[in-house]
């Protein structure tokens, strides 16, 4: 079921993002619209990250399991952090380095806890 649900939700999130980017403005959408935007970006990135992680696990001949989706959830949060840093106008090499370090630490935590 998860194999079909993730691509469908990612496609739906891509459609929502395309509609939002073409028919609204950031000032006119309001706080709930910004929440929907970031949620749609996260769902889309989760779909792409799960695709990449599944491909990587199949190349390395490991079994696709629960751990795969935890890695995907962690990796999907990286672009959200970059978007938030960009919106706060604090994007620098230092910020990107810290975000990469956070992603690596979170992946390490997933590998040790599961």
Protein backbone atom coordinates (compact mmCIF):
# COMPACT_ATOMS: atom_id res chain seq x y z
CA UNK A 1 0.00 0.00 0.00
CA UNK A 2 2.83 2.38 0.84
CA UNK A 3 4.36 1.78 -2.58
CA UNK A 4 1.27 3.32 -4.19
CA UNK A 5 0.38 5.93 -1.59
CA UNK A 6 3.65 7.85 -1.58
CA UNK A 7 3.80 8.52 -5.36
CA UNK A 8 0.12 9.53 -5.44
CA UNK A 9 0.54 11.96 -2.55
CA UNK A 10 3.73 13.36 -4.10
CA UNK A 11 1.95 13.93 -7.40
CA UNK A 12 -0.94 15.62 -5.57
CA UNK A 13 1.51 17.83 -3.68
CA UNK A 14 3.20 18.79 -6.97
CA UNK A 15 -0.17 19.80 -8.42
CA UNK A 16 -0.99 21.84 -5.31
CA UNK A 17 2.39 23.59 -5.54
CA UNK A 18 1.93 24.38 -9.23
CA UNK A 19 -1.53 25.83 -8.58
CA UNK A 20 -0.30 27.86 -5.62
CA UNK A 21 2.71 29.25 -7.48
CA UNK A 22 0.69 30.21 -10.54
CA UNK A 23 -2.47 31.65 -9.02
CA UNK A 24 -1.50 33.23 -5.70
CA UNK A 25 1.00 35.66 -4.22
CA UNK A 26 2.84 35.23 -0.92
CA UNK A 27 1.20 38.35 0.50
CA UNK A 28 -2.29 37.32 -0.52
CA UNK A 29 -2.24 33.70 0.55
CA UNK A 30 -2.09 34.20 4.31
CA UNK A 31 -0.61 32.08 7.10
CA UNK A 32 -2.66 28.96 6.31
CA UNK A 33 -1.54 29.10 2.69
CA UNK A 34 2.10 29.29 3.77
CA UNK A 35 1.52 26.23 5.97
CA UNK A 36 -0.05 24.38 3.02
CA UNK A 37 2.88 25.42 0.82
CA UNK A 38 5.51 24.08 3.20
CA UNK A 39 3.51 20.89 3.84
CA UNK A 40 3.19 20.30 0.08
CA UNK A 41 6.93 20.89 -0.40
CA UNK A 42 7.65 18.39 2.38
CA UNK A 43 5.35 15.74 0.90
CA UNK A 44 6.89 16.22 -2.55
CA UNK A 45 10.42 16.01 -1.15
CA UNK A 46 9.45 12.94 0.88
CA UNK A 47 8.31 11.23 -2.30
CA UNK A 48 11.53 12.10 -4.12
CA UNK A 49 13.70 11.12 -1.15
CA UNK A 50 11.91 7.80 -0.74
CA UNK A 51 12.43 7.09 -4.43
CA UNK A 52 16.15 7.84 -4.12
CA UNK A 53 16.55 5.82 -0.92
CA UNK A 54 14.68 2.83 -2.39
CA UNK A 55 16.88 2.94 -5.49
CA UNK A 56 19.99 3.14 -3.29
CA UNK A 57 18.88 0.22 -1.09
CA UNK A 58 18.14 -1.92 -4.13
CA UNK A 59 21.55 -1.11 -5.63
CA UNK A 60 23.25 -2.12 -2.39
CA UNK A 61 21.06 -5.24 -2.26
CA UNK A 62 19.47 -4.48 1.09
CA UNK A 63 15.85 -5.05 1.98
CA UNK A 64 13.42 -2.14 1.69
CA UNK A 65 11.80 -1.78 5.09
CA UNK A 66 10.71 0.65 7.75
CA UNK A 67 14.18 2.13 8.06
CA UNK A 68 14.04 3.25 4.41
CA UNK A 69 11.08 5.51 5.06
CA UNK A 70 12.67 6.98 8.19
CA UNK A 71 15.71 7.93 6.13
CA UNK A 72 13.38 9.48 3.57
CA UNK A 73 11.59 11.51 6.23
CA UNK A 74 14.90 12.84 7.54
CA UNK A 75 16.26 13.68 4.09
CA UNK A 76 13.01 15.38 3.03
CA UNK A 77 13.37 17.91 5.83
CA UNK A 78 16.63 19.31 4.37
CA UNK A 79 15.03 21.35 1.56
CA UNK A 80 12.46 22.70 4.03
CA UNK A 81 15.28 24.00 6.24
CA UNK A 82 16.96 25.58 3.22
CA UNK A 83 13.69 27.29 2.22
CA UNK A 84 13.25 28.61 5.76
CA UNK A 85 16.80 29.94 5.84
CA UNK A 86 16.26 31.58 2.44
CA UNK A 87 13.05 33.23 3.64
CA UNK A 88 14.86 34.62 6.69
CA UNK A 89 17.65 35.91 4.41
CA UNK A 90 20.30 34.06 6.37
CA UNK A 91 21.55 31.81 3.60
CA UNK A 92 25.31 31.38 3.63
CA UNK A 93 27.86 28.64 3.27
CA UNK A 94 27.90 28.31 7.06
CA UNK A 95 24.11 27.78 7.13
CA UNK A 96 24.24 25.13 4.40
CA UNK A 97 27.10 23.37 6.20
CA UNK A 98 25.14 23.28 9.45
CA UNK A 99 22.10 21.89 7.66
CA UNK A 100 24.18 19.16 6.02
CA UNK A 101 25.65 18.32 9.41
CA UNK A 102 22.15 18.11 10.89
CA UNK A 103 21.06 15.77 8.09
CA UNK A 104 24.09 13.53 8.65
CA UNK A 105 23.49 13.42 12.40
CA UNK A 106 19.80 12.63 11.91
CA UNK A 107 20.66 9.80 9.48
CA UNK A 108 23.18 8.48 12.00
CA UNK A 109 20.48 8.55 14.68
CA UNK A 110 18.12 6.58 12.43
CA UNK A 111 20.81 4.01 11.72
CA UNK A 112 21.56 3.52 15.42
CA UNK A 113 17.99 3.53 16.74
CA UNK A 114 16.36 1.15 14.23
